[in-house]
Amino acid sequence: RLIASGAVAPVSTSLIPNYANVFEGLKNKAWNSVNGVAYGVPH
């Protein structure tokens, strides 16, 4: 809902060093990305 409404922006994961160690099973999923573009970091 936040993505579709334009309330949140895509995220440059390259600017978030700790993203590299996030479990792969949480990256680029249907609830946190669109067409391979990340919209956040998994918690």
All heavy atoms as atom14 arrays in JSON, in Angstrom:
{
  "sequence": "RLIASGAVAPVSTSLIPNYANVFEGLKNKAWNSVNGVAYGVPH",
  "atom14_mask": [
    [1, 1, 1, 1, 1, 1, 1, 1, 1, 1, 1, 0, 0, 0],
    [1, 1, 1, 1, 1, 1, 1, 1, 0, 0, 0, 0, 0, 0],
    [1, 1, 1, 1, 1, 1, 1, 1, 0, 0, 0, 0, 0, 0],
    [1, 1, 1, 1, 1, 0, 0, 0, 0, 0, 0, 0, 0, 0],
    [1, 1, 1, 1, 1, 1, 0, 0, 0, 0, 0, 0, 0, 0],
    [1, 1, 1, 1, 0, 0, 0, 0, 0, 0, 0, 0, 0, 0],
    [1, 1, 1, 1, 1, 0, 0, 0, 0, 0, 0, 0, 0, 0],
    [1, 1, 1, 1, 1, 1, 1, 0, 0, 0, 0, 0, 0, 0],
    [1, 1, 1, 1, 1, 0, 0, 0, 0, 0, 0, 0, 0, 0],
    [1, 1, 1, 1, 1, 1, 1, 0, 0, 0, 0, 0, 0, 0],
    [1, 1, 1, 1, 1, 1, 1, 0, 0, 0, 0, 0, 0, 0],
    [1, 1, 1, 1, 1, 1, 0, 0, 0, 0, 0, 0, 0, 0],
    [1, 1, 1, 1, 1, 1, 1, 0, 0, 0, 0, 0, 0, 0],
    [1, 1, 1, 1, 1, 1, 0, 0, 0, 0, 0, 0, 0, 0],
    [1, 1, 1, 1, 1, 1, 1, 1, 0, 0, 0, 0, 0, 0],
    [1, 1, 1, 1, 1, 1, 1, 1, 0, 0, 0, 0, 0, 0],
    [1, 1, 1, 1, 1, 1, 1, 0, 0, 0, 0, 0, 0, 0],
    [1, 1, 1, 1, 1, 1, 1, 1, 0, 0, 0, 0, 0, 0],
    [1, 1, 1, 1, 1, 1, 1, 1, 1, 1, 1, 1, 0, 0],
    [1, 1, 1, 1, 1, 0, 0, 0, 0, 0, 0, 0, 0, 0],
    [1, 1, 1, 1, 1, 1, 1, 1, 0, 0, 0, 0, 0, 0],
    [1, 1, 1, 1, 1, 1, 1, 0, 0, 0, 0, 0, 0, 0],
    [1, 1, 1, 1, 1, 1, 1, 1, 1, 1, 1, 0, 0, 0],
    [1, 1, 1, 1, 1, 1, 1, 1, 1, 0, 0, 0, 0, 0],
    [1, 1, 1, 1, 0, 0, 0, 0, 0, 0, 0, 0, 0, 0],
    [1, 1, 1, 1, 1, 1, 1, 1, 0, 0, 0, 0, 0, 0],
    [1, 1, 1, 1, 1, 1, 1, 1, 1, 0, 0, 0, 0, 0],
    [1, 1, 1, 1, 1, 1, 1, 1, 0, 0, 0, 0, 0, 0],
    [1, 1, 1, 1, 1, 1, 1, 1, 1, 0, 0, 0, 0, 0],
    [1, 1, 1, 1, 1, 0, 0, 0, 0, 0, 0, 0, 0, 0],
    [1, 1, 1, 1, 1, 1, 1, 1, 1, 1, 1, 1, 1, 1],
    [1, 1, 1, 1, 1, 1, 1, 1, 0, 0, 0, 0, 0, 0],
    [1, 1, 1, 1, 1, 1, 0, 0, 0, 0, 0, 0, 0, 0],
    [1, 1, 1, 1, 1, 1, 1, 0, 0, 0, 0, 0, 0, 0],
    [1, 1, 1, 1, 1, 1, 1, 1, 0, 0, 0, 0, 0, 0],
    [1, 1, 1, 1, 0, 0, 0, 0, 0, 0, 0, 0, 0, 0],
    [1, 1, 1, 1, 1, 1, 1, 0, 0, 0, 0, 0, 0, 0],
    [1, 1, 1, 1, 1, 0, 0, 0, 0, 0, 0, 0, 0, 0],
    [1, 1, 1, 1, 1, 1, 1, 1, 1, 1, 1, 1, 0, 0],
    [1, 1, 1, 1, 0, 0, 0, 0, 0, 0, 0, 0, 0, 0],
    [1, 1, 1, 1, 1, 1, 1, 0, 0, 0, 0, 0, 0, 0],
    [1, 1, 1, 1, 1, 1, 1, 0, 0, 0, 0, 0, 0, 0],
    [1, 1, 1, 1, 1, 1, 1, 1, 1, 1, 0, 0, 0, 0]
  ],
  "atom14_positions": [
    [[0.84, -1.2, 0.0], [0.0, 0.0, 0.0], [0.87, 1.25, 0.0], [0.59, 2.24, -0.69], [-0.94, 0.0, 1.22], [-2.11, -0.95, 1.11], [-3.08, -0.74, 2.27], [-2.67, -1.45, 3.46], [-3.22, -1.27, 4.67], [-4.16, -0.34, 4.83], [-2.83, -1.97, 5.71], [0.0, 0.0, 0.0], [0.0, 0.0, 0.0], [0.0, 0.0, 0.0]],
    [[1.94, 1.21, 0.77], [2.85, 2.35, 0.85], [3.58, 2.55, -0.48], [3.77, 3.67, -0.94], [3.85, 2.14, 1.98], [3.27, 2.22, 3.4], [4.27, 1.69, 4.42], [2.89, 3.66, 3.74], [0.0, 0.0, 0.0], [0.0, 0.0, 0.0], [0.0, 0.0, 0.0], [0.0, 0.0, 0.0], [0.0, 0.0, 0.0], [0.0, 0.0, 0.0]],
    [[3.99, 1.44, -1.1], [4.69, 1.53, -2.38], [3.76, 2.05, -3.47], [4.1, 2.98, -4.21], [5.26, 0.15, -2.78], [6.34, -0.3, -1.79], [5.83, 0.2, -4.2], [6.8, -1.73, -1.99], [0.0, 0.0, 0.0], [0.0, 0.0, 0.0], [0.0, 0.0, 0.0], [0.0, 0.0, 0.0], [0.0, 0.0, 0.0], [0.0, 0.0, 0.0]],
    [[2.56, 1.48, -3.56], [1.62, 1.85, -4.61], [1.17, 3.3, -4.5], [0.91, 3.96, -5.51], [0.41, 0.92, -4.58], [0.0, 0.0, 0.0], [0.0, 0.0, 0.0], [0.0, 0.0, 0.0], [0.0, 0.0, 0.0], [0.0, 0.0, 0.0], [0.0, 0.0, 0.0], [0.0, 0.0, 0.0], [0.0, 0.0, 0.0], [0.0, 0.0, 0.0]],
    [[1.08, 3.81, -3.27], [0.62, 5.17, -3.07], [1.72, 6.2, -3.28], [1.46, 7.41, -3.29], [0.05, 5.34, -1.66], [1.08, 5.23, -0.68], [0.0, 0.0, 0.0], [0.0, 0.0, 0.0], [0.0, 0.0, 0.0], [0.0, 0.0, 0.0], [0.0, 0.0, 0.0], [0.0, 0.0, 0.0], [0.0, 0.0, 0.0], [0.0, 0.0, 0.0]],
    [[2.95, 5.74, -3.43], [4.06, 6.67, -3.58], [4.55, 7.25, -2.27], [5.3, 8.22, -2.25], [0.0, 0.0, 0.0], [0.0, 0.0, 0.0], [0.0, 0.0, 0.0], [0.0, 0.0, 0.0], [0.0, 0.0, 0.0], [0.0, 0.0, 0.0], [0.0, 0.0, 0.0], [0.0, 0.0, 0.0], [0.0, 0.0, 0.0], [0.0, 0.0, 0.0]],
    [[4.14, 6.66, -1.17], [4.53, 7.18, 0.15], [5.97, 6.81, 0.51], [6.6, 7.49, 1.32], [3.58, 6.66, 1.22], [0.0, 0.0, 0.0], [0.0, 0.0, 0.0], [0.0, 0.0, 0.0], [0.0, 0.0, 0.0], [0.0, 0.0, 0.0], [0.0, 0.0, 0.0], [0.0, 0.0, 0.0], [0.0, 0.0, 0.0], [0.0, 0.0, 0.0]],
    [[6.48, 5.72, -0.07], [7.85, 5.31, 0.19], [8.61, 5.19, -1.12], [8.02, 4.96, -2.18], [7.91, 3.98, 0.96], [7.31, 4.13, 2.35], [7.21, 2.86, 0.19], [0.0, 0.0, 0.0], [0.0, 0.0, 0.0], [0.0, 0.0, 0.0], [0.0, 0.0, 0.0], [0.0, 0.0, 0.0], [0.0, 0.0, 0.0], [0.0, 0.0, 0.0]],
    [[9.91, 5.36, -1.03], [10.77, 5.35, -2.22], [11.6, 4.08, -2.29], [11.8, 3.39, -1.28], [11.69, 6.57, -2.18], [0.0, 0.0, 0.0], [0.0, 0.0, 0.0], [0.0, 0.0, 0.0], [0.0, 0.0, 0.0], [0.0, 0.0, 0.0], [0.0, 0.0, 0.0], [0.0, 0.0, 0.0], [0.0, 0.0, 0.0], [0.0, 0.0, 0.0]],
    [[12.09, 3.75, -3.48], [13.06, 2.65, -3.57], [14.27, 2.93, -2.68], [14.56, 4.09, -2.36], [13.45, 2.64, -5.05], [12.34, 3.33, -5.75], [11.84, 4.37, -4.79], [0.0, 0.0, 0.0], [0.0, 0.0, 0.0], [0.0, 0.0, 0.0], [0.0, 0.0, 0.0], [0.0, 0.0, 0.0], [0.0, 0.0, 0.0], [0.0, 0.0, 0.0]],
    [[14.98, 1.88, -2.31], [16.13, 2.01, -1.42], [17.39, 1.53, -2.14], [17.39, 0.48, -2.78], [15.9, 1.19, -0.13], [17.2, 1.04, 0.65], [14.84, 1.85, 0.73], [0.0, 0.0, 0.0], [0.0, 0.0, 0.0], [0.0, 0.0, 0.0], [0.0, 0.0, 0.0], [0.0, 0.0, 0.0], [0.0, 0.0, 0.0], [0.0, 0.0, 0.0]],
    [[18.45, 2.31, -2.03], [19.75, 1.89, -2.56], [20.45, 1.04, -1.51], [21.03, 1.56, -0.56], [20.61, 3.12, -2.9], [20.06, 3.86, -3.96], [0.0, 0.0, 0.0], [0.0, 0.0, 0.0], [0.0, 0.0, 0.0], [0.0, 0.0, 0.0], [0.0, 0.0, 0.0], [0.0, 0.0, 0.0], [0.0, 0.0, 0.0], [0.0, 0.0, 0.0]],
    [[20.35, -0.28, -1.65], [20.93, -1.16, -0.64], [22.45, -1.06, -0.6], [23.07, -1.41, 0.4], [20.51, -2.62, -0.9], [20.91, -3.0, -2.23], [19.01, -2.77, -0.77], [0.0, 0.0, 0.0], [0.0, 0.0, 0.0], [0.0, 0.0, 0.0], [0.0, 0.0, 0.0], [0.0, 0.0, 0.0], [0.0, 0.0, 0.0], [0.0, 0.0, 0.0]],
    [[23.06, -0.54, -1.66], [24.51, -0.36, -1.67], [24.97, 0.68, -0.64], [26.14, 0.71, -0.25], [24.99, 0.06, -3.06], [24.41, 1.29, -3.44], [0.0, 0.0, 0.0], [0.0, 0.0, 0.0], [0.0, 0.0, 0.0], [0.0, 0.0, 0.0], [0.0, 0.0, 0.0], [0.0, 0.0, 0.0], [0.0, 0.0, 0.0], [0.0, 0.0, 0.0]],
    [[24.02, 1.52, -0.22], [24.33, 2.54, 0.79], [24.09, 2.02, 2.21], [24.23, 2.76, 3.18], [23.47, 3.79, 0.56], [23.61, 4.47, -0.81], [22.7, 5.69, -0.89], [25.07, 4.86, -1.06], [0.0, 0.0, 0.0], [0.0, 0.0, 0.0], [0.0, 0.0, 0.0], [0.0, 0.0, 0.0], [0.0, 0.0, 0.0], [0.0, 0.0, 0.0]],
    [[23.73, 0.75, 2.31], [23.41, 0.13, 3.61], [24.33, -1.09, 3.77], [23.97, -2.22, 3.39], [21.92, -0.28, 3.67], [21.04, 0.94, 3.38], [21.58, -0.88, 5.03], [19.57, 0.61, 3.22], [0.0, 0.0, 0.0], [0.0, 0.0, 0.0], [0.0, 0.0, 0.0], [0.0, 0.0, 0.0], [0.0, 0.0, 0.0], [0.0, 0.0, 0.0]],
    [[25.53, -0.92, 4.29], [26.52, -2.0, 4.34], [26.02, -3.29, 4.97], [26.36, -4.38, 4.51], [27.67, -1.37, 5.15], [27.54, 0.1, 4.9], [26.06, 0.36, 4.82], [0.0, 0.0, 0.0], [0.0, 0.0, 0.0], [0.0, 0.0, 0.0], [0.0, 0.0, 0.0], [0.0, 0.0, 0.0], [0.0, 0.0, 0.0], [0.0, 0.0, 0.0]],
    [[25.23, -3.19, 6.04], [24.78, -4.4, 6.73], [23.77, -5.21, 5.94], [23.47, -6.35, 6.29], [24.21, -4.04, 8.1], [25.31, -3.73, 9.11], [26.2, -4.53, 9.32], [25.25, -2.53, 9.7], [0.0, 0.0, 0.0], [0.0, 0.0, 0.0], [0.0, 0.0, 0.0], [0.0, 0.0, 0.0], [0.0, 0.0, 0.0], [0.0, 0.0, 0.0]],
    [[23.25, -4.64, 4.86], [22.31, -5.38, 4.01], [22.97, -6.63, 3.42], [22.3, -7.63, 3.16], [21.81, -4.48, 2.87], [20.72, -5.09, 2.02], [19.39, -5.11, 2.46], [21.01, -5.65, 0.78], [18.39, -5.67, 1.68], [20.01, -6.2, -0.01], [18.71, -6.21, 0.44], [17.72, -6.78, -0.34], [0.0, 0.0, 0.0], [0.0, 0.0, 0.0]],
    [[24.27, -6.58, 3.23], [24.99, -7.72, 2.65], [24.82, -8.99, 3.47], [24.87, -10.1, 2.93], [26.47, -7.38, 2.51], [0.0, 0.0, 0.0], [0.0, 0.0, 0.0], [0.0, 0.0, 0.0], [0.0, 0.0, 0.0], [0.0, 0.0, 0.0], [0.0, 0.0, 0.0], [0.0, 0.0, 0.0], [0.0, 0.0, 0.0], [0.0, 0.0, 0.0]],
    [[24.62, -8.85, 4.78], [24.52, -10.02, 5.65], [23.08, -10.4, 6.0], [22.86, -11.28, 6.84], [25.29, -9.76, 6.94], [26.78, -9.64, 6.7], [27.35, -10.4, 5.92], [27.42, -8.67, 7.34], [0.0, 0.0, 0.0], [0.0, 0.0, 0.0], [0.0, 0.0, 0.0], [0.0, 0.0, 0.0], [0.0, 0.0, 0.0], [0.0, 0.0, 0.0]],
    [[22.11, -9.77, 5.34], [20.72, -10.17, 5.53], [20.49, -11.52, 4.87], [21.01, -11.78, 3.77], [19.76, -9.11, 4.94], [18.33, -9.63, 4.87], [19.82, -7.83, 5.77], [0.0, 0.0, 0.0], [0.0, 0.0, 0.0], [0.0, 0.0, 0.0], [0.0, 0.0, 0.0], [0.0, 0.0, 0.0], [0.0, 0.0, 0.0], [0.0, 0.0, 0.0]],
    [[19.74, -12.39, 5.53], [19.45, -13.7, 4.96], [18.86, -13.55, 3.55], [17.98, -12.72, 3.32], [18.45, -14.46, 5.84], [19.01, -14.95, 7.14], [18.66, -14.35, 8.34], [19.91, -16.02, 7.16], [19.18, -14.8, 9.54], [20.43, -16.47, 8.36], [20.07, -15.87, 9.55], [0.0, 0.0, 0.0], [0.0, 0.0, 0.0], [0.0, 0.0, 0.0]],
    [[19.36, -14.35, 2.62], [18.89, -14.27, 1.23], [17.4, -14.53, 1.13], [16.73, -14.01, 0.23], [19.66, -15.26, 0.36], [21.12, -14.89, 0.14], [21.29, -13.53, -0.54], [20.5, -13.23, -1.47], [22.21, -12.79, -0.15], [0.0, 0.0, 0.0], [0.0, 0.0, 0.0], [0.0, 0.0, 0.0], [0.0, 0.0, 0.0], [0.0, 0.0, 0.0]],
    [[16.87, -15.33, 2.05], [15.45, -15.65, 2.03], [14.54, -14.47, 2.33], [13.31, -14.58, 2.21], [0.0, 0.0, 0.0], [0.0, 0.0, 0.0], [0.0, 0.0, 0.0], [0.0, 0.0, 0.0], [0.0, 0.0, 0.0], [0.0, 0.0, 0.0], [0.0, 0.0, 0.0], [0.0, 0.0, 0.0], [0.0, 0.0, 0.0], [0.0, 0.0, 0.0]],
    [[15.14, -13.32, 2.7], [14.35, -12.14, 3.01], [14.53, -11.02, 1.98], [13.84, -10.01, 2.04], [14.73, -11.6, 4.39], [14.23, -12.41, 5.58], [14.83, -11.88, 6.88], [12.71, -12.36, 5.66], [0.0, 0.0, 0.0], [0.0, 0.0, 0.0], [0.0, 0.0, 0.0], [0.0, 0.0, 0.0], [0.0, 0.0, 0.0], [0.0, 0.0, 0.0]],
    [[15.44, -11.21, 1.04], [15.74, -10.16, 0.07], [14.86, -10.26, -1.17], [14.56, -11.36, -1.64], [17.21, -10.22, -0.34], [18.2, -9.88, 0.77], [19.63, -9.98, 0.26], [20.64, -9.58, 1.33], [22.04, -9.71, 0.84], [0.0, 0.0, 0.0], [0.0, 0.0, 0.0], [0.0, 0.0, 0.0], [0.0, 0.0, 0.0], [0.0, 0.0, 0.0]],
    [[14.47, -9.11, -1.71], [13.75, -9.03, -2.98], [12.52, -9.94, -3.01], [12.33, -10.73, -3.94], [14.68, -9.37, -4.14], [15.78, -8.34, -4.31], [15.54, -7.13, -4.14], [16.97, -8.78, -4.62], [0.0, 0.0, 0.0], [0.0, 0.0, 0.0], [0.0, 0.0, 0.0], [0.0, 0.0, 0.0], [0.0, 0.0, 0.0], [0.0, 0.0, 0.0]],
    [[11.69, -9.81, -2.0], [10.47, -10.58, -1.92], [9.26, -9.74, -2.31], [9.35, -8.51, -2.44], [10.29, -11.16, -0.51], [11.4, -12.13, -0.12], [11.51, -13.28, -1.12], [12.63, -14.24, -0.79], [12.75, -15.33, -1.78], [0.0, 0.0, 0.0], [0.0, 0.0, 0.0], [0.0, 0.0, 0.0], [0.0, 0.0, 0.0], [0.0, 0.0, 0.0]],
    [[8.14, -10.39, -2.47], [6.94, -9.71, -2.99], [6.43, -8.61, -2.07], [5.73, -7.72, -2.54], [5.83, -10.74, -3.24], [0.0, 0.0, 0.0], [0.0, 0.0, 0.0], [0.0, 0.0, 0.0], [0.0, 0.0, 0.0], [0.0, 0.0, 0.0], [0.0, 0.0, 0.0], [0.0, 0.0, 0.0], [0.0, 0.0, 0.0], [0.0, 0.0, 0.0]],
    [[6.77, -8.68, -0.8], [6.28, -7.67, 0.14], [7.28, -6.53, 0.37], [6.95, -5.55, 1.02], [5.92, -8.31, 1.49], [7.09, -8.95, 2.17], [7.96, -8.37, 3.05], [7.54, -10.29, 2.01], [8.92, -9.26, 3.44], [8.69, -10.45, 2.83], [7.09, -11.4, 1.28], [9.39, -11.66, 2.92], [7.79, -12.59, 1.37], [8.91, -12.71, 2.18]],
    [[8.5, -6.65, -0.17], [9.47, -5.58, 0.06], [10.2, -5.13, -1.2], [11.18, -4.38, -1.13], [10.49, -5.98, 1.14], [11.29, -7.23, 0.77], [11.47, -7.56, -0.39], [11.78, -7.92, 1.79], [0.0, 0.0, 0.0], [0.0, 0.0, 0.0], [0.0, 0.0, 0.0], [0.0, 0.0, 0.0], [0.0, 0.0, 0.0], [0.0, 0.0, 0.0]],
    [[9.71, -5.57, -2.37], [10.33, -5.15, -3.62], [9.31, -5.22, -4.75], [8.27, -5.86, -4.63], [11.53, -6.04, -3.96], [11.1, -7.36, -4.25], [0.0, 0.0, 0.0], [0.0, 0.0, 0.0], [0.0, 0.0, 0.0], [0.0, 0.0, 0.0], [0.0, 0.0, 0.0], [0.0, 0.0, 0.0], [0.0, 0.0, 0.0], [0.0, 0.0, 0.0]],
    [[9.62, -4.55, -5.84], [8.78, -4.6, -7.03], [9.69, -4.76, -8.24], [10.58, -3.95, -8.47], [7.92, -3.32, -7.19], [7.11, -3.38, -8.49], [6.99, -3.14, -6.0], [0.0, 0.0, 0.0], [0.0, 0.0, 0.0], [0.0, 0.0, 0.0], [0.0, 0.0, 0.0], [0.0, 0.0, 0.0], [0.0, 0.0, 0.0], [0.0, 0.0, 0.0]],
    [[9.48, -5.86, -8.95], [10.28, -6.13, -10.16], [11.78, -6.04, -9.89], [12.54, -5.48, -10.68], [9.88, -5.18, -11.28], [8.42, -5.36, -11.67], [7.89, -6.47, -11.65], [7.76, -4.27, -12.02], [0.0, 0.0, 0.0], [0.0, 0.0, 0.0], [0.0, 0.0, 0.0], [0.0, 0.0, 0.0], [0.0, 0.0, 0.0], [0.0, 0.0, 0.0]],
    [[12.19, -6.59, -8.76], [13.61, -6.64, -8.43], [14.17, -5.38, -7.8], [15.35, -5.34, -7.45], [0.0, 0.0, 0.0], [0.0, 0.0, 0.0], [0.0, 0.0, 0.0], [0.0, 0.0, 0.0], [0.0, 0.0, 0.0], [0.0, 0.0, 0.0], [0.0, 0.0, 0.0], [0.0, 0.0, 0.0], [0.0, 0.0, 0.0], [0.0, 0.0, 0.0]],
    [[13.35, -4.35, -7.63], [13.79, -3.11, -7.01], [13.42, -3.13, -5.54], [12.24, -3.26, -5.17], [13.14, -1.88, -7.69], [13.55, -0.6, -6.98], [13.53, -1.83, -9.17], [0.0, 0.0, 0.0], [0.0, 0.0, 0.0], [0.0, 0.0, 0.0], [0.0, 0.0, 0.0], [0.0, 0.0, 0.0], [0.0, 0.0, 0.0], [0.0, 0.0, 0.0]],
    [[14.42, -3.0, -4.67], [14.18, -3.05, -3.22], [13.52, -1.77, -2.74], [13.89, -0.67, -3.15], [15.5, -3.26, -2.48], [0.0, 0.0, 0.0], [0.0, 0.0, 0.0], [0.0, 0.0, 0.0], [0.0, 0.0, 0.0], [0.0, 0.0, 0.0], [0.0, 0.0, 0.0], [0.0, 0.0, 0.0], [0.0, 0.0, 0.0], [0.0, 0.0, 0.0]],
    [[12.54, -1.92, -1.85], [11.86, -0.77, -1.24], [12.07, -0.75, 0.27], [11.29, -0.13, 0.99], [10.37, -0.8, -1.57], [10.04, -0.17, -2.89], [10.23, -0.87, -4.08], [9.56, 1.14, -2.98], [9.94, -0.29, -5.31], [9.27, 1.73, -4.2], [9.46, 1.01, -5.36], [9.19, 1.59, -6.58], [0.0, 0.0, 0.0], [0.0, 0.0, 0.0]],
    [[13.11, -1.39, 0.73], [13.38, -1.35, 2.15], [14.35, -2.44, 2.56], [14.87, -3.19, 1.72], [0.0, 0.0, 0.0], [0.0, 0.0, 0.0], [0.0, 0.0, 0.0], [0.0, 0.0, 0.0], [0.0, 0.0, 0.0], [0.0, 0.0, 0.0], [0.0, 0.0, 0.0], [0.0, 0.0, 0.0], [0.0, 0.0, 0.0], [0.0, 0.0, 0.0]],
    [[14.6, -2.52, 3.86], [15.5, -3.55, 4.4], [14.73, -4.42, 5.39], [13.99, -3.92, 6.24], [16.74, -2.91, 5.07], [17.56, -2.16, 4.04], [16.35, -1.99, 6.2], [0.0, 0.0, 0.0], [0.0, 0.0, 0.0], [0.0, 0.0, 0.0], [0.0, 0.0, 0.0], [0.0, 0.0, 0.0], [0.0, 0.0, 0.0], [0.0, 0.0, 0.0]],
    [[14.89, -5.73, 5.29], [14.17, -6.65, 6.19], [14.62, -6.49, 7.64], [15.8, -6.3, 7.91], [14.53, -8.03, 5.64], [14.96, -7.79, 4.22], [15.64, -6.45, 4.26], [0.0, 0.0, 0.0], [0.0, 0.0, 0.0], [0.0, 0.0, 0.0], [0.0, 0.0, 0.0], [0.0, 0.0, 0.0], [0.0, 0.0, 0.0], [0.0, 0.0, 0.0]],
    [[13.66, -6.58, 8.54], [13.93, -6.4, 9.97], [13.99, -7.73, 10.69], [14.81, -7.92, 11.6], [12.81, -5.54, 10.56], [12.87, -5.39, 12.05], [13.38, -4.28, 12.66], [12.48, -6.22, 13.06], [13.31, -4.42, 13.98], [12.76, -5.59, 14.25], [0.0, 0.0, 0.0], [0.0, 0.0, 0.0], [0.0, 0.0, 0.0], [0.0, 0.0, 0.0]]
  ]
}
